[in-house]
Structure formats: structure tokens, C-alpha cells
Amino acid sequence: MTRAPVGTGRVRAAVILALAGCVALSPCWGRESGNPSLAAIQAAYDAAKAEADGNHVDGLTIRDADCQQDRADAYSCQITFTATSGAEGRLYFDVIGLDRERTGWKLVSGLCKRHD
């Protein structure tokens, strides 16, 4: 039977404690950090569309985004998108607002989502 070198258990324990400390101190653990990605913007649009009372345009695909942070966990993005109901290959533009939440991003304005 082969034994582990002396001190291996201590090194492993130190690594585990260091990782646990990083996880516990990370304010964004489990959330996307930084600017919202194209996939995150598309997911926020799709979620808002699912919650809408039929007032949301179907078939929008986000193609490009330039996002700026407005305040903590809130971003404004100038986006380019295509629509299945539009002319083939035609690009549309909008400015949207997104808030970062624990579960992801939430569309708060733009793409048929209007402020109350």
C-alpha cells in the first residue's frame, strides 16, 4: 500500500480553506459579473416576453450590444437586433435598461418594455 507524502493532507486542507474563503467573500458568487453578455440580454428579453400580456414583439434576436453601467447593478445598453417579422437581414436599434438580480438580468426598459 502506498502512502501519501507527509504534509499532503495539510496542503489540501489549506487549499480548501482558501477556496472557501474566496467563495464566502465574493459579492457576486452565483451571478454574472461585469457588463451583461449578449446571451444574458437575450435571456432577459425572452423572460420579459414570457411575462408580457401579448404586448411584446416576438422573434427578436440580439446581435450586438454596447453597455454602460448607470449605477450599481444597473446598465443601459445600445443594442442591435433582428426581427423575424422584419425584412431579411435588416438591423434594428434600441436602447434598453437592465438590472442585475440574483437570478440573472431583468429587462426594465426598451424592446417593448416601457417605464410605468
PDB file of N, CA and C in Angstrom:
ATOM      1  N   MET A   1       0.839  -1.171   0.000  1.00  0.00           N
ATOM      2  CA  MET A   1       0.000   0.000   0.000  1.00  0.00           C
ATOM      3  C   MET A   1       0.891   1.242   0.000  1.00  0.00           C
ATOM      4  N   THR A   2       0.559   2.206  -0.878  1.00  0.00           N
ATOM      5  CA  THR A   2       1.341   3.429  -0.995  1.00  0.00           C
ATOM      6  C   THR A   2       0.723   4.503  -0.122  1.00  0.00           C
ATOM      7  N   ARG A   3       1.575   5.187   0.599  1.00  0.00           N
ATOM      8  CA  ARG A   3       1.099   6.267   1.466  1.00  0.00           C
ATOM      9  C   ARG A   3       1.360   7.611   0.799  1.00  0.00           C
ATOM     10  N   ALA A   4       0.484   8.562   1.074  1.00  0.00           N
ATOM     11  CA  ALA A   4       0.677   9.918   0.559  1.00  0.00           C
ATOM     12  C   ALA A   4       1.840  10.552   1.287  1.00  0.00           C
ATOM     13  N   PRO A   5       2.581  11.408   0.612  1.00  0.00           N
ATOM     14  CA  PRO A   5       3.697  12.095   1.264  1.00  0.00           C
ATOM     15  C   PRO A   5       3.212  12.881   2.474  1.00  0.00           C
ATOM     16  N   VAL A   6       4.085  13.011   3.450  1.00  0.00           N
ATOM     17  CA  VAL A   6       3.765  13.755   4.665  1.00  0.00           C
ATOM     18  C   VAL A   6       3.460  15.202   4.293  1.00  0.00           C
ATOM     19  N   GLY A   7       2.408  15.763   4.846  1.00  0.00           N
ATOM     20  CA  GLY A   7       2.041  17.159   4.599  1.00  0.00           C
ATOM     21  C   GLY A   7       1.012  17.334   3.502  1.00  0.00           C
ATOM     22  N   THR A   8       0.707  16.288   2.725  1.00  0.00           N
ATOM     23  CA  THR A   8      -0.259  16.411   1.636  1.00  0.00           C
ATOM     24  C   THR A   8      -1.636  16.778   2.165  1.00  0.00           C
ATOM     25  N   GLY A   9      -2.023  16.177   3.266  1.00  0.00           N
ATOM     26  CA  GLY A   9      -3.318  16.481   3.866  1.00  0.00           C
ATOM     27  C   GLY A   9      -3.412  17.928   4.309  1.00  0.00           C
ATOM     28  N   ARG A  10      -2.323  18.466   4.835  1.00  0.00           N
ATOM     29  CA  ARG A  10      -2.322  19.873   5.265  1.00  0.00           C
ATOM     30  C   ARG A  10      -2.426  20.816   4.072  1.00  0.00           C
ATOM     31  N   VAL A  11      -1.738  20.488   3.004  1.00  0.00           N
ATOM     32  CA  VAL A  11      -1.797  21.327   1.803  1.00  0.00           C
ATOM     33  C   VAL A  11      -3.213  21.308   1.242  1.00  0.00           C
ATOM     34  N   ARG A  12      -3.796  20.131   1.172  1.00  0.00           N
ATOM     35  CA  ARG A  12      -5.160  20.002   0.657  1.00  0.00           C
ATOM     36  C   ARG A  12      -6.129  20.796   1.527  1.00  0.00           C
ATOM     37  N   ALA A  13      -5.983  20.715   2.833  1.00  0.00           N
ATOM     38  CA  ALA A  13      -6.848  21.457   3.753  1.00  0.00           C
ATOM     39  C   ALA A  13      -6.675  22.960   3.575  1.00  0.00           C
ATOM     40  N   ALA A  14      -5.437  23.402   3.375  1.00  0.00           N
ATOM     41  CA  ALA A  14      -5.180  24.834   3.181  1.00  0.00           C
ATOM     42  C   ALA A  14      -5.824  25.330   1.887  1.00  0.00           C
ATOM     43  N   VAL A  15      -5.744  24.534   0.825  1.00  0.00           N
ATOM     44  CA  VAL A  15      -6.354  24.914  -0.453  1.00  0.00           C
ATOM     45  C   VAL A  15      -7.865  24.989  -0.306  1.00  0.00           C
ATOM     46  N   ILE A  16      -8.457  24.022   0.352  1.00  0.00           N
ATOM     47  CA  ILE A  16      -9.908  24.015   0.548  1.00  0.00           C
ATOM     48  C   ILE A  16     -10.346  25.231   1.363  1.00  0.00           C
ATOM     49  N   LEU A  17      -9.607  25.551   2.429  1.00  0.00           N
ATOM     50  CA  LEU A  17      -9.944  26.729   3.237  1.00  0.00           C
ATOM     51  C   LEU A  17      -9.803  28.014   2.432  1.00  0.00           C
ATOM     52  N   ALA A  18      -8.768  28.105   1.605  1.00  0.00           N
ATOM     53  CA  ALA A  18      -8.576  29.304   0.773  1.00  0.00           C
ATOM     54  C   ALA A  18      -9.724  29.464  -0.213  1.00  0.00           C
ATOM     55  N   LEU A  19     -10.136  28.370  -0.854  1.00  0.00           N
ATOM     56  CA  LEU A  19     -11.256  28.441  -1.797  1.00  0.00           C
ATOM     57  C   LEU A  19     -12.545  28.801  -1.081  1.00  0.00           C
ATOM     58  N   ALA A  20     -12.763  28.237   0.085  1.00  0.00           N
ATOM     59  CA  ALA A  20     -13.971  28.558   0.853  1.00  0.00           C
ATOM     60  C   ALA A  20     -13.992  30.036   1.226  1.00  0.00           C
ATOM     61  N   GLY A  21     -12.850  30.577   1.583  1.00  0.00           N
ATOM     62  CA  GLY A  21     -12.765  31.999   1.914  1.00  0.00           C
ATOM     63  C   GLY A  21     -13.075  32.873   0.718  1.00  0.00           C
ATOM     64  N   CYS A  22     -12.579  32.515  -0.450  1.00  0.00           N
ATOM     65  CA  CYS A  22     -12.859  33.289  -1.667  1.00  0.00           C
ATOM     66  C   CYS A  22     -14.340  33.261  -1.994  1.00  0.00           C
ATOM     67  N   VAL A  23     -14.947  32.091  -1.869  1.00  0.00           N
ATOM     68  CA  VAL A  23     -16.368  31.955  -2.167  1.00  0.00           C
ATOM     69  C   VAL A  23     -17.190  32.779  -1.193  1.00  0.00           C
ATOM     70  N   ALA A  24     -16.873  32.707   0.087  1.00  0.00           N
ATOM     71  CA  ALA A  24     -17.640  33.422   1.103  1.00  0.00           C
ATOM     72  C   ALA A  24     -17.524  34.932   0.953  1.00  0.00           C
ATOM     73  N   LEU A  25     -16.387  35.421   0.484  1.00  0.00           N
ATOM     74  CA  LEU A  25     -16.170  36.862   0.377  1.00  0.00           C
ATOM     75  C   LEU A  25     -16.609  37.443  -0.962  1.00  0.00           C
ATOM     76  N   SER A  26     -16.917  36.609  -1.935  1.00  0.00           N
ATOM     77  CA  SER A  26     -17.268  37.098  -3.259  1.00  0.00           C
ATOM     78  C   SER A  26     -18.693  37.638  -3.276  1.00  0.00           C
ATOM     79  N   PRO A  27     -18.890  38.928  -3.560  1.00  0.00           N
ATOM     80  CA  PRO A  27     -20.231  39.501  -3.554  1.00  0.00           C
ATOM     81  C   PRO A  27     -21.074  39.061  -4.741  1.00  0.00           C
ATOM     82  N   CYS A  28     -20.441  38.574  -5.789  1.00  0.00           N
ATOM     83  CA  CYS A  28     -21.176  38.214  -6.998  1.00  0.00           C
ATOM     84  C   CYS A  28     -21.209  36.712  -7.210  1.00  0.00           C
ATOM     85  N   TRP A  29     -20.919  35.927  -6.197  1.00  0.00           N
ATOM     86  CA  TRP A  29     -20.908  34.483  -6.377  1.00  0.00           C
ATOM     87  C   TRP A  29     -22.278  34.029  -6.851  1.00  0.00           C
ATOM     88  N   GLY A  30     -22.316  33.284  -7.940  1.00  0.00           N
ATOM     89  CA  GLY A  30     -23.577  32.802  -8.461  1.00  0.00           C
ATOM     90  C   GLY A  30     -24.247  33.779  -9.410  1.00  0.00           C
ATOM     91  N   ARG A  31     -23.643  34.904  -9.660  1.00  0.00           N
ATOM     92  CA  ARG A  31     -24.200  35.895 -10.568  1.00  0.00           C
ATOM     93  C   ARG A  31     -23.161  36.231 -11.630  1.00  0.00           C
ATOM     94  N   GLU A  32     -23.652  36.637 -12.766  1.00  0.00           N
ATOM     95  CA  GLU A  32     -22.758  37.100 -13.812  1.00  0.00           C
ATOM     96  C   GLU A  32     -22.199  38.449 -13.379  1.00  0.00           C
ATOM     97  N   SER A  33     -20.895  38.634 -13.506  1.00  0.00           N
ATOM     98  CA  SER A  33     -20.300  39.904 -13.125  1.00  0.00           C
ATOM     99  C   SER A  33     -19.912  40.677 -14.374  1.00  0.00           C
ATOM    100  N   GLY A  34     -19.743  41.988 -14.230  1.00  0.00           N
ATOM    101  CA  GLY A  34     -19.373  42.823 -15.363  1.00  0.00           C
ATOM    102  C   GLY A  34     -20.575  43.167 -16.222  1.00  0.00           C
ATOM    103  N   ASN A  35     -20.297  43.660 -17.423  1.00  0.00           N
ATOM    104  CA  ASN A  35     -21.363  44.026 -18.354  1.00  0.00           C
ATOM    105  C   ASN A  35     -22.167  42.791 -18.755  1.00  0.00           C
ATOM    106  N   PRO A  36     -23.454  42.983 -19.037  1.00  0.00           N
ATOM    107  CA  PRO A  36     -24.263  41.845 -19.484  1.00  0.00           C
ATOM    108  C   PRO A  36     -23.788  41.340 -20.846  1.00  0.00           C
ATOM    109  N   SER A  37     -23.765  40.034 -21.007  1.00  0.00           N
ATOM    110  CA  SER A  37     -23.369  39.414 -22.278  1.00  0.00           C
ATOM    111  C   SER A  37     -24.559  39.416 -23.238  1.00  0.00           C
ATOM    112  N   LEU A  38     -24.310  39.115 -24.511  1.00  0.00           N
ATOM    113  CA  LEU A  38     -25.398  39.015 -25.483  1.00  0.00           C
ATOM    114  C   LEU A  38     -26.395  37.938 -25.054  1.00  0.00           C
ATOM    115  N   ALA A  39     -25.883  36.813 -24.569  1.00  0.00           N
ATOM    116  CA  ALA A  39     -26.764  35.730 -24.112  1.00  0.00           C
ATOM    117  C   ALA A  39     -27.618  36.183 -22.935  1.00  0.00           C
ATOM    118  N   ALA A  40     -27.037  36.969 -22.029  1.00  0.00           N
ATOM    119  CA  ALA A  40     -27.785  37.460 -20.871  1.00  0.00           C
ATOM    120  C   ALA A  40     -28.864  38.445 -21.307  1.00  0.00           C
ATOM    121  N   ILE A  41     -28.558  39.306 -22.268  1.00  0.00           N
ATOM    122  CA  ILE A  41     -29.548  40.266 -22.774  1.00  0.00           C
ATOM    123  C   ILE A  41     -30.681  39.521 -23.473  1.00  0.00           C
ATOM    124  N   GLN A  42     -30.331  38.518 -24.282  1.00  0.00           N
ATOM    125  CA  GLN A  42     -31.353  37.715 -24.967  1.00  0.00           C
ATOM    126  C   GLN A  42     -32.245  37.005 -23.944  1.00  0.00           C
ATOM    127  N   ALA A  43     -31.648  36.456 -22.904  1.00  0.00           N
ATOM    128  CA  ALA A  43     -32.424  35.763 -21.858  1.00  0.00           C
ATOM    129  C   ALA A  43     -33.345  36.734 -21.125  1.00  0.00           C
ATOM    130  N   ALA A  44     -32.869  37.955 -20.859  1.00  0.00           N
ATOM    131  CA  ALA A  44     -33.702  38.966 -20.190  1.00  0.00           C
ATOM    132  C   ALA A  44     -34.875  39.357 -21.078  1.00  0.00           C
ATOM    133  N   TYR A  45     -34.639  39.518 -22.372  1.00  0.00           N
ATOM    134  CA  TYR A  45     -35.719  39.817 -23.321  1.00  0.00           C
ATOM    135  C   TYR A  45     -36.729  38.675 -23.356  1.00  0.00           C
ATOM    136  N   ASP A  46     -36.237  37.430 -23.467  1.00  0.00           N
ATOM    137  CA  ASP A  46     -37.126  36.273 -23.529  1.00  0.00           C
ATOM    138  C   ASP A  46     -37.969  36.144 -22.265  1.00  0.00           C
ATOM    139  N   ALA A  47     -37.378  36.424 -21.106  1.00  0.00           N
ATOM    140  CA  ALA A  47     -38.114  36.362 -19.842  1.00  0.00           C
ATOM    141  C   ALA A  47     -39.180  37.453 -19.787  1.00  0.00           C
ATOM    142  N   ALA A  48     -38.845  38.662 -20.240  1.00  0.00           N
ATOM    143  CA  ALA A  48     -39.816  39.767 -20.249  1.00  0.00           C
ATOM    144  C   ALA A  48     -40.954  39.459 -21.221  1.00  0.00           C
ATOM    145  N   LYS A  49     -40.617  38.853 -22.355  1.00  0.00           N
ATOM    146  CA  LYS A  49     -41.637  38.475 -23.349  1.00  0.00           C
ATOM    147  C   LYS A  49     -42.604  37.459 -22.749  1.00  0.00           C
ATOM    148  N   ALA A  50     -42.077  36.514 -21.986  1.00  0.00           N
ATOM    149  CA  ALA A  50     -42.917  35.484 -21.370  1.00  0.00           C
ATOM    150  C   ALA A  50     -43.864  36.083 -20.331  1.00  0.00           C
ATOM    151  N   GLU A  51     -43.447  37.165 -19.670  1.00  0.00           N
ATOM    152  CA  GLU A  51     -44.272  37.813 -18.648  1.00  0.00           C
ATOM    153  C   GLU A  51     -45.263  38.819 -19.227  1.00  0.00           C
ATOM    154  N   ALA A  52     -45.072  39.230 -20.481  1.00  0.00           N
ATOM    155  CA  ALA A  52     -45.898  40.288 -21.085  1.00  0.00           C
ATOM    156  C   ALA A  52     -47.300  39.788 -21.387  1.00  0.00           C
ATOM    157  N   ASP A  53     -48.213  40.733 -21.448  1.00  0.00           N
ATOM    158  CA  ASP A  53     -49.612  40.426 -21.759  1.00  0.00           C
ATOM    159  C   ASP A  53     -49.880  40.544 -23.258  1.00  0.00           C
ATOM    160  N   GLY A  54     -49.060  39.936 -24.074  1.00  0.00           N
ATOM    161  CA  GLY A  54     -49.247  39.995 -25.509  1.00  0.00           C
ATOM    162  C   GLY A  54     -48.760  41.283 -26.146  1.00  0.00           C
ATOM    163  N   ASN A  55     -48.154  42.168 -25.381  1.00  0.00           N
ATOM    164  CA  ASN A  55     -47.670  43.445 -25.903  1.00  0.00           C
ATOM    165  C   ASN A  55     -46.205  43.397 -26.300  1.00  0.00           C
ATOM    166  N   HIS A  56     -45.647  42.222 -26.373  1.00  0.00           N
ATOM    167  CA  HIS A  56     -44.232  42.083 -26.692  1.00  0.00           C
ATOM    168  C   HIS A  56     -44.074  41.542 -28.112  1.00  0.00           C
ATOM    169  N   VAL A  57     -43.132  42.094 -28.849  1.00  0.00           N
ATOM    170  CA  VAL A  57     -42.849  41.630 -30.195  1.00  0.00           C
ATOM    171  C   VAL A  57     -42.125  40.291 -30.109  1.00  0.00           C
ATOM    172  N   ASP A  58     -42.562  39.321 -30.900  1.00  0.00           N
ATOM    173  CA  ASP A  58     -41.921  38.008 -30.932  1.00  0.00           C
ATOM    174  C   ASP A  58     -40.754  37.995 -31.902  1.00  0.00           C
ATOM    175  N   GLY A  59     -39.820  37.095 -31.686  1.00  0.00           N
ATOM    176  CA  GLY A  59     -38.781  36.803 -32.662  1.00  0.00           C
ATOM    177  C   GLY A  59     -37.665  37.815 -32.786  1.00  0.00           C
ATOM    178  N   LEU A  60     -37.282  38.469 -31.695  1.00  0.00           N
ATOM    179  CA  LEU A  60     -36.146  39.382 -31.745  1.00  0.00           C
ATOM    180  C   LEU A  60     -34.886  38.624 -31.337  1.00  0.00           C
ATOM    181  N   THR A  61     -33.813  38.853 -32.078  1.00  0.00           N
ATOM    182  CA  THR A  61     -32.529  38.233 -31.772  1.00  0.00           C
ATOM    183  C   THR A  61     -31.498  39.333 -31.582  1.00  0.00           C
ATOM    184  N   ILE A  62     -30.892  39.369 -30.407  1.00  0.00           N
ATOM    185  CA  ILE A  62     -29.887  40.383 -30.095  1.00  0.00           C
ATOM    186  C   ILE A  62     -28.613  40.042 -30.855  1.00  0.00           C
ATOM    187  N   ARG A  63     -28.072  41.005 -31.599  1.00  0.00           N
ATOM    188  CA  ARG A  63     -26.876  40.780 -32.418  1.00  0.00           C
ATOM    189  C   ARG A  63     -25.626  41.446 -31.858  1.00  0.00           C
ATOM    190  N   ASP A  64     -25.795  42.609 -31.223  1.00  0.00           N
ATOM    191  CA  ASP A  64     -24.641  43.346 -30.707  1.00  0.00           C
ATOM    192  C   ASP A  64     -25.134  44.256 -29.586  1.00  0.00           C
ATOM    193  N   ALA A  65     -24.242  44.558 -28.660  1.00  0.00           N
ATOM    194  CA  ALA A  65     -24.617  45.442 -27.556  1.00  0.00           C
ATOM    195  C   ALA A  65     -23.401  46.218 -27.078  1.00  0.00           C
ATOM    196  N   ASP A  66     -23.637  47.477 -26.738  1.00  0.00           N
ATOM    197  CA  ASP A  66     -22.628  48.327 -26.113  1.00  0.00           C
ATOM    198  C   ASP A  66     -23.248  48.825 -24.816  1.00  0.00           C
ATOM    199  N   CYS A  67     -22.781  48.296 -23.695  1.00  0.00           N
ATOM    200  CA  CYS A  67     -23.406  48.568 -22.397  1.00  0.00           C
ATOM    201  C   CYS A  67     -22.529  49.467 -21.530  1.00  0.00           C
ATOM    202  N   GLN A  68     -23.199  50.334 -20.781  1.00  0.00           N
ATOM    203  CA  GLN A  68     -22.546  51.222 -19.829  1.00  0.00           C
ATOM    204  C   GLN A  68     -23.249  51.086 -18.488  1.00  0.00           C
ATOM    205  N   GLN A  69     -22.467  51.074 -17.428  1.00  0.00           N
ATOM    206  CA  GLN A  69     -23.049  50.974 -16.089  1.00  0.00           C
ATOM    207  C   GLN A  69     -23.615  52.320 -15.679  1.00  0.00           C
ATOM    208  N   ASP A  70     -24.899  52.345 -15.281  1.00  0.00           N
ATOM    209  CA  ASP A  70     -25.555  53.568 -14.811  1.00  0.00           C
ATOM    210  C   ASP A  70     -25.322  53.754 -13.318  1.00  0.00           C
ATOM    211  N   ARG A  71     -25.522  52.698 -12.576  1.00  0.00           N
ATOM    212  CA  ARG A  71     -25.311  52.666 -11.136  1.00  0.00           C
ATOM    213  C   ARG A  71     -25.076  51.207 -10.764  1.00  0.00           C
ATOM    214  N   ALA A  72     -24.855  50.928  -9.513  1.00  0.00           N
ATOM    215  CA  ALA A  72     -24.598  49.550  -9.097  1.00  0.00           C
ATOM    216  C   ALA A  72     -25.713  48.633  -9.592  1.00  0.00           C
ATOM    217  N   ASP A  73     -25.345  47.597 -10.311  1.00  0.00           N
ATOM    218  CA  ASP A  73     -26.271  46.573 -10.816  1.00  0.00           C
ATOM    219  C   ASP A  73     -27.317  47.098 -11.793  1.00  0.00           C
ATOM    220  N   ALA A  74     -27.077  48.231 -12.446  1.00  0.00           N
ATOM    221  CA  ALA A  74     -27.988  48.760 -13.460  1.00  0.00           C
ATOM    222  C   ALA A  74     -27.181  49.227 -14.669  1.00  0.00           C
ATOM    223  N   TYR A  75     -27.605  48.803 -15.851  1.00  0.00           N
ATOM    224  CA  TYR A  75     -26.890  49.106 -17.090  1.00  0.00           C
ATOM    225  C   TYR A  75     -27.840  49.626 -18.149  1.00  0.00           C
ATOM    226  N   SER A  76     -27.328  50.492 -19.010  1.00  0.00           N
ATOM    227  CA  SER A  76     -28.009  50.908 -20.229  1.00  0.00           C
ATOM    228  C   SER A  76     -27.205  50.345 -21.386  1.00  0.00           C
ATOM    229  N   CYS A  77     -27.902  49.776 -22.362  1.00  0.00           N
ATOM    230  CA  CYS A  77     -27.218  49.154 -23.500  1.00  0.00           C
ATOM    231  C   CYS A  77     -27.829  49.641 -24.799  1.00  0.00           C
ATOM    232  N   GLN A  78     -26.975  50.048 -25.720  1.00  0.00           N
ATOM    233  CA  GLN A  78     -27.409  50.323 -27.083  1.00  0.00           C
ATOM    234  C   GLN A  78     -27.264  48.998 -27.812  1.00  0.00           C
ATOM    235  N   ILE A  79     -28.382  48.463 -28.304  1.00  0.00           N
ATOM    236  CA  ILE A  79     -28.333  47.138 -28.913  1.00  0.00           C
ATOM    237  C   ILE A  79     -28.715  47.177 -30.381  1.00  0.00           C
ATOM    238  N   THR A  80     -28.245  46.202 -31.092  1.00  0.00           N
ATOM    239  CA  THR A  80     -28.627  45.933 -32.471  1.00  0.00           C
ATOM    240  C   THR A  80     -29.304  44.576 -32.465  1.00  0.00           C
ATOM    241  N   PHE A  81     -30.443  44.475 -33.146  1.00  0.00           N
ATOM    242  CA  PHE A  81     -31.151  43.201 -33.175  1.00  0.00           C
ATOM    243  C   PHE A  81     -31.836  43.008 -34.514  1.00  0.00           C
ATOM    244  N   THR A  82     -32.219  41.772 -34.790  1.00  0.00           N
ATOM    245  CA  THR A  82     -33.007  41.443 -35.969  1.00  0.00           C
ATOM    246  C   THR A  82     -34.365  40.939 -35.494  1.00  0.00           C
ATOM    247  N   ALA A  83     -35.348  41.003 -36.396  1.00  0.00           N
ATOM    248  CA  ALA A  83     -36.697  40.534 -36.073  1.00  0.00           C
ATOM    249  C   ALA A  83     -37.151  39.586 -37.173  1.00  0.00           C
ATOM    250  N   THR A  84     -37.748  38.469 -36.780  1.00  0.00           N
ATOM    251  CA  THR A  84     -38.224  37.515 -37.776  1.00  0.00           C
ATOM    252  C   THR A  84     -39.355  38.099 -38.613  1.00  0.00           C
ATOM    253  N   SER A  85     -40.083  39.078 -38.060  1.00  0.00           N
ATOM    254  CA  SER A  85     -41.179  39.702 -38.807  1.00  0.00           C
ATOM    255  C   SER A  85     -40.694  40.828 -39.718  1.00  0.00           C
ATOM    256  N   GLY A  86     -39.436  41.215 -39.608  1.00  0.00           N
ATOM    257  CA  GLY A  86     -38.903  42.307 -40.423  1.00  0.00           C
ATOM    258  C   GLY A  86     -38.295  41.810 -41.720  1.00  0.00           C
ATOM    259  N   ALA A  87     -37.772  42.745 -42.491  1.00  0.00           N
ATOM    260  CA  ALA A  87     -37.104  42.399 -43.745  1.00  0.00           C
ATOM    261  C   ALA A  87     -35.870  41.561 -43.434  1.00  0.00           C
ATOM    262  N   GLU A  88     -35.607  40.580 -44.265  1.00  0.00           N
ATOM    263  CA  GLU A  88     -34.484  39.673 -44.024  1.00  0.00           C
ATOM    264  C   GLU A  88     -33.170  40.444 -43.957  1.00  0.00           C
ATOM    265  N   GLY A  89     -32.441  40.241 -42.885  1.00  0.00           N
ATOM    266  CA  GLY A  89     -31.143  40.871 -42.710  1.00  0.00           C
ATOM    267  C   GLY A  89     -31.188  42.300 -42.199  1.00  0.00           C
ATOM    268  N   ARG A  90     -32.376  42.872 -42.048  1.00  0.00           N
ATOM    269  CA  ARG A  90     -32.475  44.252 -41.582  1.00  0.00           C
ATOM    270  C   ARG A  90     -32.130  44.329 -40.096  1.00  0.00           C
ATOM    271  N   LEU A  91     -31.316  45.309 -39.746  1.00  0.00           N
ATOM    272  CA  LEU A  91     -30.936  45.524 -38.359  1.00  0.00           C
ATOM    273  C   LEU A  91     -31.788  46.633 -37.754  1.00  0.00           C
ATOM    274  N   TYR A  92     -32.173  46.438 -36.510  1.00  0.00           N
ATOM    275  CA  TYR A  92     -32.922  47.428 -35.751  1.00  0.00           C
ATOM    276  C   TYR A  92     -32.076  47.838 -34.548  1.00  0.00           C
ATOM    277  N   PHE A  93     -32.366  49.013 -33.999  1.00  0.00           N
ATOM    278  CA  PHE A  93     -31.598  49.538 -32.882  1.00  0.00           C
ATOM    279  C   PHE A  93     -32.550  49.956 -31.766  1.00  0.00           C
ATOM    280  N   ASP A  94     -32.069  49.856 -30.544  1.00  0.00           N
ATOM    281  CA  ASP A  94     -32.835  50.311 -29.387  1.00  0.00           C
ATOM    282  C   ASP A  94     -31.858  50.556 -28.246  1.00  0.00           C
ATOM    283  N   VAL A  95     -32.311  51.293 -27.265  1.00  0.00           N
ATOM    284  CA  VAL A  95     -31.566  51.467 -26.016  1.00  0.00           C
ATOM    285  C   VAL A  95     -32.411  50.810 -24.937  1.00  0.00           C
ATOM    286  N   ILE A  96     -31.785  49.926 -24.185  1.00  0.00           N
ATOM    287  CA  ILE A  96     -32.514  49.181 -23.167  1.00  0.00           C
ATOM    288  C   ILE A  96     -31.904  49.418 -21.790  1.00  0.00           C
ATOM    289  N   GLY A  97     -32.685  49.145 -20.776  1.00  0.00           N
ATOM    290  CA  GLY A  97     -32.210  49.190 -19.398  1.00  0.00           C
ATOM    291  C   GLY A  97     -32.269  47.800 -18.807  1.00  0.00           C
ATOM    292  N   LEU A  98     -31.220  47.412 -18.113  1.00  0.00           N
ATOM    293  CA  LEU A  98     -31.148  46.108 -17.459  1.00  0.00           C
ATOM    294  C   LEU A  98     -30.733  46.280 -16.013  1.00  0.00           C
ATOM    295  N   ASP A  99     -31.338  45.495 -15.139  1.00  0.00           N
ATOM    296  CA  ASP A  99     -30.928  45.438 -13.739  1.00  0.00           C
ATOM    297  C   ASP A  99     -30.401  44.040 -13.456  1.00  0.00           C
ATOM    298  N   ARG A 100     -29.294  43.968 -12.727  1.00  0.00           N
ATOM    299  CA  ARG A 100     -28.752  42.674 -12.332  1.00  0.00           C
ATOM    300  C   ARG A 100     -29.494  42.221 -11.076  1.00  0.00           C
ATOM    301  N   GLU A 101     -30.004  41.010 -11.103  1.00  0.00           N
ATOM    302  CA  GLU A 101     -30.674  40.418  -9.955  1.00  0.00           C
ATOM    303  C   GLU A 101     -29.954  39.132  -9.573  1.00  0.00           C
ATOM    304  N   ARG A 102     -30.341  38.537  -8.473  1.00  0.00           N
ATOM    305  CA  ARG A 102     -29.699  37.290  -8.023  1.00  0.00           C
ATOM    306  C   ARG A 102     -29.798  36.192  -9.068  1.00  0.00           C
ATOM    307  N   THR A 103     -30.917  36.144  -9.775  1.00  0.00           N
ATOM    308  CA  THR A 103     -31.148  35.067 -10.735  1.00  0.00           C
ATOM    309  C   THR A 103     -30.672  35.403 -12.141  1.00  0.00           C
ATOM    310  N   GLY A 104     -30.168  36.591 -12.374  1.00  0.00           N
ATOM    311  CA  GLY A 104     -29.708  36.983 -13.707  1.00  0.00           C
ATOM    312  C   GLY A 104     -30.046  38.434 -13.978  1.00  0.00           C
ATOM    313  N   TRP A 105     -30.328  38.748 -15.225  1.00  0.00           N
ATOM    314  CA  TRP A 105     -30.623  40.115 -15.635  1.00  0.00           C
ATOM    315  C   TRP A 105     -32.112  40.276 -15.885  1.00  0.00           C
ATOM    316  N   LYS A 106     -32.626  41.479 -15.585  1.00  0.00           N
ATOM    317  CA  LYS A 106     -34.035  41.787 -15.814  1.00  0.00           C
ATOM    318  C   LYS A 106     -34.134  43.006 -16.725  1.00  0.00           C
ATOM    319  N   LEU A 107     -34.905  42.877 -17.795  1.00  0.00           N
ATOM    320  CA  LEU A 107     -35.154  43.979 -18.716  1.00  0.00           C
ATOM    321  C   LEU A 107     -36.112  44.955 -18.042  1.00  0.00           C
ATOM    322  N   VAL A 108     -35.696  46.214 -17.882  1.00  0.00           N
ATOM    323  CA  VAL A 108     -36.540  47.207 -17.222  1.00  0.00           C
ATOM    324  C   VAL A 108     -37.038  48.289 -18.180  1.00  0.00           C
ATOM    325  N   SER A 109     -36.411  48.427 -19.345  1.00  0.00           N
ATOM    326  CA  SER A 109     -36.906  49.370 -20.351  1.00  0.00           C
ATOM    327  C   SER A 109     -36.351  48.991 -21.715  1.00  0.00           C
ATOM    328  N   GLY A 110     -37.092  49.382 -22.742  1.00  0.00           N
ATOM    329  CA  GLY A 110     -36.700  49.097 -24.109  1.00  0.00           C
ATOM    330  C   GLY A 110     -37.262  47.777 -24.596  1.00  0.00           C
ATOM    331  N   LEU A 111     -37.172  47.533 -25.905  1.00  0.00           N
ATOM    332  CA  LEU A 111     -37.695  46.316 -26.535  1.00  0.00           C
ATOM    333  C   LEU A 111     -39.133  46.038 -26.095  1.00  0.00           C
ATOM    334  N   CYS A 112     -39.962  47.045 -26.213  1.00  0.00           N
ATOM    335  CA  CYS A 112     -41.382  46.991 -25.873  1.00  0.00           C
ATOM    336  C   CYS A 112     -41.654  47.008 -24.378  1.00  0.00           C
ATOM    337  N   LYS A 113     -40.650  47.128 -23.558  1.00  0.00           N
ATOM    338  CA  LYS A 113     -40.822  47.215 -22.113  1.00  0.00           C
ATOM    339  C   LYS A 113     -40.690  48.689 -21.761  1.00  0.00           C
ATOM    340  N   ARG A 114     -41.761  49.311 -21.325  1.00  0.00           N
ATOM    341  CA  ARG A 114     -41.759  50.748 -21.058  1.00  0.00           C
ATOM    342  C   ARG A 114     -41.850  51.023 -19.564  1.00  0.00           C
ATOM    343  N   HIS A 115     -41.277  52.162 -19.139  1.00  0.00           N
ATOM    344  CA  HIS A 115     -41.400  52.592 -17.743  1.00  0.00           C
ATOM    345  C   HIS A 115     -42.841  52.907 -17.443  1.00  0.00           C
ATOM    346  N   ASP A 116     -43.245  52.630 -16.213  1.00  0.00           N
ATOM    347  CA  ASP A 116     -44.622  52.963 -15.784  1.00  0.00           C
ATOM    348  C   ASP A 116     -44.711  54.410 -15.388  1.00  0.00           C
TER     349      ASP A 116
END
